[in-house]
N, C-alpha and C. Protein backbone atom coordinates (compact mmCIF):
# COMPACT_ATOMS: atom_id res chain seq x y z
N MET A 1 -4.17 14.11 13.88
CA MET A 1 -5.54 14.18 14.47
C MET A 1 -6.25 14.93 13.32
N PHE A 2 -7.38 14.34 13.02
CA PHE A 2 -8.32 14.76 12.09
C PHE A 2 -9.76 15.03 12.74
N TRP A 3 -10.26 16.19 12.49
CA TRP A 3 -11.58 16.54 13.03
C TRP A 3 -12.61 16.10 11.85
N ILE A 4 -13.16 14.92 11.96
CA ILE A 4 -13.85 14.31 11.07
C ILE A 4 -15.07 14.94 10.54
N SER A 5 -15.62 15.83 11.54
CA SER A 5 -16.67 16.68 11.28
C SER A 5 -16.50 17.79 10.23
N GLY A 6 -15.38 18.04 10.20
CA GLY A 6 -14.91 19.20 9.08
C GLY A 6 -14.76 18.64 7.84
N LEU A 7 -14.97 17.42 7.52
CA LEU A 7 -14.74 16.91 6.09
C LEU A 7 -16.00 16.90 5.36
N PHE A 8 -16.04 17.35 4.06
CA PHE A 8 -17.37 17.27 3.20
C PHE A 8 -17.68 15.91 2.82
N PHE A 9 -16.70 15.10 2.73
CA PHE A 9 -16.94 13.65 2.03
C PHE A 9 -15.85 12.78 3.00
N PRO A 10 -16.25 12.53 4.16
CA PRO A 10 -15.59 11.70 5.00
C PRO A 10 -15.33 10.42 4.69
N GLN A 11 -16.07 9.76 3.67
CA GLN A 11 -15.78 8.38 3.21
C GLN A 11 -14.56 8.27 2.34
N ALA A 12 -14.23 9.51 1.80
CA ALA A 12 -12.94 9.39 0.94
C ALA A 12 -11.91 9.41 1.85
N PHE A 13 -12.02 10.11 2.86
CA PHE A 13 -10.74 10.28 3.81
C PHE A 13 -10.39 8.88 4.36
N PHE A 14 -11.48 8.04 4.67
CA PHE A 14 -11.18 6.74 5.17
C PHE A 14 -10.67 5.90 4.05
N THR A 15 -11.06 5.94 2.75
CA THR A 15 -10.40 5.31 1.45
C THR A 15 -9.00 5.82 1.45
N GLY A 16 -8.77 6.91 1.69
CA GLY A 16 -7.44 7.52 1.63
C GLY A 16 -6.58 6.82 2.76
N CYS A 17 -6.94 6.56 3.88
CA CYS A 17 -6.26 6.01 4.97
C CYS A 17 -5.92 4.58 4.50
N LEU A 18 -6.77 3.93 3.91
CA LEU A 18 -6.75 2.41 3.44
C LEU A 18 -5.68 2.51 2.25
N GLN A 19 -5.68 3.60 1.41
CA GLN A 19 -4.84 3.68 0.40
C GLN A 19 -3.14 3.80 0.74
N ASN A 20 -3.19 4.64 1.81
CA ASN A 20 -1.82 5.20 2.28
C ASN A 20 -1.14 3.68 2.88
N TYR A 21 -2.00 2.94 3.60
CA TYR A 21 -1.45 1.81 4.38
C TYR A 21 -0.96 0.77 3.33
N ALA A 22 -1.93 0.63 2.26
CA ALA A 22 -1.84 -0.35 1.31
C ALA A 22 -0.35 -0.04 0.44
N ARG A 23 -0.29 1.20 0.08
CA ARG A 23 1.00 1.57 -0.55
C ARG A 23 2.27 1.23 0.11
N LYS A 24 2.19 1.80 1.62
CA LYS A 24 3.22 1.55 2.40
C LYS A 24 3.64 0.15 2.57
N HIS A 25 2.69 -0.80 2.62
CA HIS A 25 3.01 -2.06 3.10
C HIS A 25 2.89 -2.91 1.80
N ILE A 26 2.73 -2.46 0.63
CA ILE A 26 2.59 -3.26 -0.67
C ILE A 26 1.52 -4.23 -0.53
N ILE A 27 0.32 -3.96 -0.04
CA ILE A 27 -0.87 -4.80 0.14
C ILE A 27 -2.18 -4.41 -0.83
N ALA A 28 -2.70 -5.30 -1.36
CA ALA A 28 -3.95 -5.05 -2.33
C ALA A 28 -4.82 -4.20 -1.27
N ILE A 29 -5.44 -3.02 -1.55
CA ILE A 29 -6.44 -2.52 -0.93
C ILE A 29 -7.84 -3.19 -0.55
N ASP A 30 -8.02 -4.13 -1.42
CA ASP A 30 -9.25 -5.10 -1.27
C ASP A 30 -9.19 -6.01 -0.08
N GLU A 31 -7.82 -6.24 0.35
CA GLU A 31 -7.53 -7.13 1.54
C GLU A 31 -7.65 -6.37 2.93
N LEU A 32 -7.99 -5.05 2.89
CA LEU A 32 -7.85 -4.27 4.17
C LEU A 32 -9.03 -3.90 4.50
N ASP A 33 -9.18 -3.59 5.88
CA ASP A 33 -10.46 -3.10 6.41
C ASP A 33 -9.99 -2.36 7.82
N LEU A 34 -10.78 -1.28 8.28
CA LEU A 34 -10.44 -0.63 9.33
C LEU A 34 -10.98 -1.20 10.70
N ASP A 35 -10.02 -1.20 11.67
CA ASP A 35 -10.27 -1.58 12.95
C ASP A 35 -10.30 -0.34 13.83
N VAL A 36 -10.93 -0.49 14.90
CA VAL A 36 -11.20 0.62 15.75
C VAL A 36 -10.70 0.51 17.11
N LYS A 37 -10.04 1.51 17.64
CA LYS A 37 -9.57 1.60 19.20
C LYS A 37 -10.02 2.93 19.68
N ILE A 38 -10.80 2.97 20.59
CA ILE A 38 -11.29 4.35 21.35
C ILE A 38 -10.47 4.41 22.32
N TYR A 39 -9.95 5.80 22.32
CA TYR A 39 -8.99 6.16 23.42
C TYR A 39 -9.70 7.21 24.29
N ASP A 40 -10.27 6.72 25.42
CA ASP A 40 -11.15 7.70 26.44
C ASP A 40 -10.05 8.14 27.35
N GLU A 41 -8.91 7.64 27.44
CA GLU A 41 -7.88 8.10 28.67
C GLU A 41 -7.17 9.35 28.21
N ILE A 42 -7.15 9.68 26.72
CA ILE A 42 -6.51 10.92 26.40
C ILE A 42 -7.34 11.64 25.69
N ASN A 43 -7.30 13.05 25.84
CA ASN A 43 -8.13 13.95 25.17
C ASN A 43 -7.30 14.18 23.65
N TRP A 44 -8.15 14.47 22.63
CA TRP A 44 -7.47 14.58 21.30
C TRP A 44 -6.58 15.77 21.29
N SER A 45 -6.79 16.68 22.08
CA SER A 45 -6.01 17.82 22.09
C SER A 45 -4.50 17.73 22.74
N GLN A 46 -4.42 16.51 23.24
CA GLN A 46 -3.05 16.13 23.95
C GLN A 46 -2.32 15.49 23.04
N VAL A 47 -2.73 14.95 21.73
CA VAL A 47 -1.91 14.00 20.90
C VAL A 47 -0.81 15.12 20.28
N THR A 48 0.25 14.65 20.31
CA THR A 48 1.44 15.50 19.45
C THR A 48 2.09 14.72 18.60
N GLU A 49 1.87 13.28 18.24
CA GLU A 49 2.42 12.66 17.24
C GLU A 49 1.35 11.61 16.47
N LYS A 50 1.67 11.56 15.19
CA LYS A 50 0.86 10.71 14.42
C LYS A 50 0.98 9.18 14.80
N PRO A 51 0.09 8.36 14.46
CA PRO A 51 0.33 6.88 14.72
C PRO A 51 1.34 6.46 13.83
N GLU A 52 1.73 5.31 13.97
CA GLU A 52 2.52 4.60 12.96
C GLU A 52 1.97 4.33 11.49
N ASP A 53 0.55 3.74 11.81
CA ASP A 53 -0.39 3.50 10.89
C ASP A 53 -1.60 3.92 11.12
N GLY A 54 -2.50 4.14 10.17
CA GLY A 54 -3.87 4.67 10.51
C GLY A 54 -3.88 6.04 10.73
N CYS A 55 -5.05 6.38 11.32
CA CYS A 55 -5.26 7.81 11.59
C CYS A 55 -6.09 7.98 12.79
N TYR A 56 -5.93 9.23 13.56
CA TYR A 56 -6.72 9.53 14.89
C TYR A 56 -7.74 10.35 14.50
N THR A 57 -8.98 10.51 14.92
CA THR A 57 -10.12 11.15 14.47
C THR A 57 -10.91 11.54 15.82
N TYR A 58 -11.57 12.61 15.62
CA TYR A 58 -12.47 13.23 16.81
C TYR A 58 -13.56 13.93 16.10
N GLY A 59 -14.86 14.00 16.81
CA GLY A 59 -15.79 14.71 16.20
C GLY A 59 -17.09 13.99 15.85
N PHE A 60 -17.21 12.75 16.68
CA PHE A 60 -18.38 11.93 16.48
C PHE A 60 -19.28 12.13 17.83
N TYR A 61 -20.61 12.39 17.50
CA TYR A 61 -21.50 12.52 18.53
C TYR A 61 -22.72 11.29 18.46
N LEU A 62 -22.82 10.86 19.81
CA LEU A 62 -23.93 9.85 19.92
C LEU A 62 -25.27 10.45 20.26
N GLU A 63 -26.20 9.81 19.64
CA GLU A 63 -27.46 10.06 20.17
C GLU A 63 -28.21 8.83 20.62
N GLY A 64 -28.84 8.87 21.75
CA GLY A 64 -29.50 7.55 22.40
C GLY A 64 -28.49 6.62 23.30
N ALA A 65 -27.27 7.06 23.43
CA ALA A 65 -26.48 6.34 24.26
C ALA A 65 -25.34 7.35 24.60
N ARG A 66 -24.21 6.69 25.21
CA ARG A 66 -23.16 7.54 25.62
C ARG A 66 -22.06 6.43 25.75
N TRP A 67 -20.78 7.16 25.68
CA TRP A 67 -19.49 6.26 25.89
C TRP A 67 -19.15 6.34 27.27
N ASN A 68 -18.95 5.18 28.00
CA ASN A 68 -18.66 5.41 29.45
C ASN A 68 -17.23 4.91 29.51
N ASP A 69 -16.64 6.00 29.97
CA ASP A 69 -15.04 6.02 30.05
C ASP A 69 -14.54 5.32 31.20
N THR A 70 -15.47 4.89 32.01
CA THR A 70 -14.97 4.01 33.11
C THR A 70 -15.01 2.57 32.70
N THR A 71 -16.04 2.12 32.03
CA THR A 71 -16.18 0.70 31.63
C THR A 71 -15.55 0.36 30.32
N HIS A 72 -15.59 1.50 29.54
CA HIS A 72 -14.94 1.29 28.24
C HIS A 72 -16.01 0.73 27.24
N PHE A 73 -17.09 0.84 27.51
CA PHE A 73 -18.27 0.35 26.61
C PHE A 73 -19.48 1.38 26.51
N LEU A 74 -20.23 0.97 25.48
CA LEU A 74 -21.41 1.99 25.12
C LEU A 74 -22.08 1.66 26.27
N ASP A 75 -23.04 2.76 26.78
CA ASP A 75 -23.80 2.72 28.00
C ASP A 75 -25.13 3.72 27.58
N GLU A 76 -26.07 3.47 28.72
CA GLU A 76 -27.22 4.43 28.57
C GLU A 76 -26.93 5.74 28.79
N SER A 77 -27.59 6.54 28.03
CA SER A 77 -27.54 8.01 28.24
C SER A 77 -27.86 8.39 29.47
N LYS A 78 -27.23 9.36 30.16
CA LYS A 78 -27.51 9.93 31.38
C LYS A 78 -28.93 10.88 31.25
N PRO A 79 -29.67 11.08 32.31
CA PRO A 79 -30.83 11.88 32.05
C PRO A 79 -30.49 13.06 31.57
N LYS A 80 -31.29 13.71 30.64
CA LYS A 80 -31.34 15.12 30.12
C LYS A 80 -30.07 15.19 28.99
N GLN A 81 -29.51 14.12 28.72
CA GLN A 81 -28.47 14.12 27.71
C GLN A 81 -28.76 13.58 26.40
N LEU A 82 -29.01 14.52 25.65
CA LEU A 82 -29.83 13.90 24.35
C LEU A 82 -28.37 13.56 23.36
N TYR A 83 -27.38 14.23 23.29
CA TYR A 83 -26.07 13.90 22.55
C TYR A 83 -24.86 13.95 23.38
N THR A 84 -23.91 13.08 23.14
CA THR A 84 -22.68 13.00 23.92
C THR A 84 -21.65 12.81 22.98
N GLU A 85 -20.58 13.36 23.09
CA GLU A 85 -19.20 13.12 22.38
C GLU A 85 -18.57 11.92 22.52
N LEU A 86 -18.18 11.31 21.45
CA LEU A 86 -17.44 10.11 21.65
C LEU A 86 -15.94 10.59 21.71
N PRO A 87 -15.10 9.83 22.50
CA PRO A 87 -13.62 10.21 22.68
C PRO A 87 -12.86 9.89 21.22
N MET A 88 -11.73 10.27 21.34
CA MET A 88 -10.77 10.06 20.07
C MET A 88 -10.80 8.54 19.65
N ILE A 89 -10.86 8.36 18.39
CA ILE A 89 -10.78 7.07 17.79
C ILE A 89 -9.59 6.88 16.75
N TRP A 90 -8.96 5.69 16.90
CA TRP A 90 -7.78 5.46 16.16
C TRP A 90 -8.32 4.39 15.21
N TYR A 91 -8.33 4.80 13.97
CA TYR A 91 -8.64 3.84 12.78
C TYR A 91 -7.24 3.28 12.41
N ILE A 92 -7.32 1.70 12.53
CA ILE A 92 -6.10 1.07 12.20
C ILE A 92 -6.28 0.03 11.01
N PRO A 93 -5.81 0.22 9.70
CA PRO A 93 -5.83 -0.71 8.75
C PRO A 93 -5.22 -2.16 9.05
N LYS A 94 -6.19 -3.09 8.93
CA LYS A 94 -5.63 -4.49 9.23
C LYS A 94 -5.95 -5.33 7.90
N LYS A 95 -4.96 -6.24 7.45
CA LYS A 95 -5.17 -7.17 6.50
C LYS A 95 -6.01 -8.37 6.84
N ASN A 96 -6.84 -8.64 5.87
CA ASN A 96 -7.80 -9.87 6.31
C ASN A 96 -8.53 -9.98 7.54
N ARG A 97 -8.87 -8.64 8.11
CA ARG A 97 -9.60 -8.42 9.31
C ARG A 97 -10.82 -9.23 9.52
N LYS A 98 -11.06 -9.93 10.49
CA LYS A 98 -12.29 -10.63 10.83
C LYS A 98 -13.05 -9.84 11.76
N LYS A 99 -14.28 -9.35 11.31
CA LYS A 99 -15.21 -8.40 12.11
C LYS A 99 -15.81 -9.29 13.14
N PRO A 100 -15.73 -8.64 14.41
CA PRO A 100 -16.39 -9.34 15.65
C PRO A 100 -17.72 -9.68 15.61
N GLU A 101 -18.24 -10.90 15.82
CA GLU A 101 -19.58 -10.98 15.74
C GLU A 101 -20.39 -10.71 17.11
N THR A 102 -19.66 -10.73 18.32
CA THR A 102 -20.38 -10.25 19.41
C THR A 102 -19.49 -9.12 20.21
N GLY A 103 -20.29 -8.59 21.10
CA GLY A 103 -19.55 -7.59 22.02
C GLY A 103 -19.35 -6.21 21.29
N ILE A 104 -20.04 -6.15 20.11
CA ILE A 104 -20.03 -4.84 19.59
C ILE A 104 -21.38 -4.31 19.21
N TYR A 105 -21.49 -2.97 18.95
CA TYR A 105 -22.82 -2.45 18.25
C TYR A 105 -22.29 -1.76 16.99
N ASN A 106 -22.81 -2.30 15.83
CA ASN A 106 -22.74 -1.55 14.59
C ASN A 106 -23.41 -0.22 14.58
N CYS A 107 -22.79 0.68 14.85
CA CYS A 107 -23.57 2.07 15.12
C CYS A 107 -23.30 2.74 13.63
N PRO A 108 -24.66 3.14 13.12
CA PRO A 108 -24.54 3.84 11.83
C PRO A 108 -24.11 5.28 12.08
N VAL A 109 -23.39 5.82 11.27
CA VAL A 109 -22.67 7.15 11.44
C VAL A 109 -23.42 7.94 10.28
N TYR A 110 -23.83 9.13 10.62
CA TYR A 110 -24.54 10.05 9.59
C TYR A 110 -23.81 11.26 9.58
N LYS A 111 -23.79 12.24 8.48
CA LYS A 111 -23.27 13.47 8.56
C LYS A 111 -24.22 14.38 9.37
N VAL A 112 -25.48 14.46 9.12
CA VAL A 112 -26.37 15.33 9.93
C VAL A 112 -27.54 14.49 10.66
N LEU A 113 -28.26 15.08 11.49
CA LEU A 113 -29.24 14.42 12.33
C LEU A 113 -30.42 13.78 11.77
N SER A 114 -30.57 14.25 10.32
CA SER A 114 -32.05 13.89 9.66
C SER A 114 -31.94 12.29 9.37
N ARG A 115 -30.69 11.68 9.35
CA ARG A 115 -30.66 10.22 9.20
C ARG A 115 -31.32 9.87 7.80
N ALA A 116 -31.39 10.81 6.92
CA ALA A 116 -31.88 10.46 5.62
C ALA A 116 -31.18 11.43 4.65
N GLY A 117 -31.13 10.89 3.50
CA GLY A 117 -30.31 11.50 2.36
C GLY A 117 -30.82 10.87 1.12
N THR A 118 -30.73 11.75 0.13
CA THR A 118 -30.93 11.28 -1.37
C THR A 118 -29.94 10.61 -1.92
N LEU A 119 -30.29 9.61 -2.66
CA LEU A 119 -29.32 8.74 -3.19
C LEU A 119 -28.68 9.57 -4.37
N SER A 120 -27.38 9.44 -4.44
CA SER A 120 -26.54 10.15 -5.61
C SER A 120 -26.43 9.19 -6.76
N THR A 121 -25.72 9.87 -7.78
CA THR A 121 -25.54 8.96 -9.10
C THR A 121 -24.88 7.65 -8.70
N THR A 122 -24.33 7.57 -7.61
CA THR A 122 -23.64 6.34 -7.38
C THR A 122 -24.49 5.37 -6.77
N GLY A 123 -25.57 5.77 -6.35
CA GLY A 123 -26.53 4.85 -5.51
C GLY A 123 -26.45 4.72 -4.07
N HIS A 124 -25.39 5.65 -3.55
CA HIS A 124 -25.23 5.94 -2.07
C HIS A 124 -25.84 6.98 -1.48
N SER A 125 -26.32 6.98 -0.27
CA SER A 125 -27.01 8.18 0.41
C SER A 125 -25.99 9.15 0.53
N THR A 126 -26.43 10.29 0.50
CA THR A 126 -25.40 11.65 0.68
C THR A 126 -25.31 11.82 2.27
N ASN A 127 -25.99 11.23 3.13
CA ASN A 127 -25.87 11.38 4.51
C ASN A 127 -25.18 10.36 5.34
N PHE A 128 -25.53 9.10 4.73
CA PHE A 128 -24.75 7.84 5.63
C PHE A 128 -23.32 7.98 5.28
N VAL A 129 -22.44 7.64 6.44
CA VAL A 129 -21.23 7.63 6.21
C VAL A 129 -20.27 6.37 6.29
N MET A 130 -20.84 5.43 7.53
CA MET A 130 -20.08 4.18 7.65
C MET A 130 -20.89 3.65 8.86
N MET A 131 -20.61 2.35 9.07
CA MET A 131 -20.85 1.70 10.28
C MET A 131 -19.60 1.74 11.32
N LEU A 132 -19.77 2.18 12.39
CA LEU A 132 -18.81 2.19 13.56
C LEU A 132 -18.92 1.22 14.70
N GLU A 133 -17.98 0.22 14.69
CA GLU A 133 -18.05 -0.82 15.82
C GLU A 133 -17.63 -0.26 17.01
N LEU A 134 -18.81 -0.26 17.82
CA LEU A 134 -18.46 0.32 19.31
C LEU A 134 -18.66 -0.89 20.30
N PRO A 135 -17.75 -1.00 21.07
CA PRO A 135 -17.56 -2.30 22.11
C PRO A 135 -19.02 -2.03 22.99
N SER A 136 -19.50 -3.21 23.37
CA SER A 136 -20.90 -3.25 23.95
C SER A 136 -21.08 -4.43 24.80
N LYS A 137 -21.52 -4.15 26.23
CA LYS A 137 -21.85 -5.40 26.83
C LYS A 137 -23.29 -5.86 26.62
N GLU A 138 -24.09 -5.17 26.17
CA GLU A 138 -25.38 -5.47 25.75
C GLU A 138 -25.69 -6.08 24.39
N GLU A 139 -26.67 -6.61 24.08
CA GLU A 139 -26.91 -7.28 22.94
C GLU A 139 -27.24 -6.10 21.87
N GLU A 140 -26.74 -6.00 20.55
CA GLU A 140 -26.96 -5.32 19.64
C GLU A 140 -28.32 -4.73 19.35
N ASP A 141 -29.32 -5.58 19.72
CA ASP A 141 -30.64 -5.13 19.53
C ASP A 141 -31.27 -4.11 20.57
N THR A 142 -30.51 -4.22 21.56
CA THR A 142 -30.64 -3.11 22.69
C THR A 142 -30.69 -1.74 22.25
N TRP A 143 -29.56 -1.60 21.49
CA TRP A 143 -29.10 -0.15 20.85
C TRP A 143 -29.82 0.01 19.54
N ILE A 144 -30.21 -0.89 18.76
CA ILE A 144 -31.16 -0.64 17.56
C ILE A 144 -32.46 -0.25 17.96
N ASN A 145 -33.11 -0.90 19.16
CA ASN A 145 -34.27 -0.46 19.59
C ASN A 145 -34.36 0.86 20.16
N ALA A 146 -33.27 1.21 20.65
CA ALA A 146 -32.99 2.72 21.19
C ALA A 146 -32.80 3.71 20.25
N GLY A 147 -32.49 3.23 19.07
CA GLY A 147 -32.28 4.13 17.79
C GLY A 147 -30.90 4.87 18.12
N VAL A 148 -29.92 4.03 18.50
CA VAL A 148 -28.60 4.80 18.65
C VAL A 148 -27.94 4.97 17.34
N ALA A 149 -27.39 6.13 17.18
CA ALA A 149 -26.72 6.50 15.93
C ALA A 149 -25.59 7.51 16.33
N ALA A 150 -24.64 7.67 15.37
CA ALA A 150 -23.59 8.66 15.73
C ALA A 150 -23.68 9.69 14.48
N PHE A 151 -23.25 10.90 14.80
CA PHE A 151 -23.58 11.94 13.86
C PHE A 151 -22.13 12.81 13.82
N LEU A 152 -22.03 13.44 12.71
CA LEU A 152 -20.64 14.35 12.57
C LEU A 152 -21.24 15.87 12.81
N ALA A 153 -22.29 16.16 12.71
CA ALA A 153 -22.79 17.53 13.01
C ALA A 153 -24.27 17.31 13.70
N LEU A 154 -24.46 18.44 14.43
CA LEU A 154 -25.68 18.17 15.22
C LEU A 154 -26.71 19.35 14.80
N ARG A 155 -26.29 19.95 13.89
CA ARG A 155 -27.09 20.91 13.05
C ARG A 155 -27.45 20.65 11.75
N TYR A 156 -28.52 20.71 11.12
CA TYR A 156 -28.80 20.64 9.75
C TYR A 156 -28.01 21.31 8.65
């Protein structure tokens, strides 16, 4: 179980997750991508064993939406709820994974609330982490127009 918010460079953590899987199963890392399973039925503090493959994470916060643990989909925020915590997420490496075209919202994940970052020497933002595929019954444009994003820290 990894508290993703506590990592300085979470992108390297996810690359490491893929590398471990690639070495274990003797697969080229270029053929792998991370699949996502959201565990809203268990609290991260109840986990006692590691998964066979992949990693469990927690520490993501949503702005502009919430995770509905009854329907298991992204949902509108409740009144006066600016930020909500996402449940535990299991990242599972998959070979030649086909990304779903419907039924998900590609939610941007940032380290901090500013949603901006300077470009580093590699040409990548210092704040953007990844896109997180969240199951949704709504069209993706609904969440884009609402400005829904996930964050690892709620302070600057």
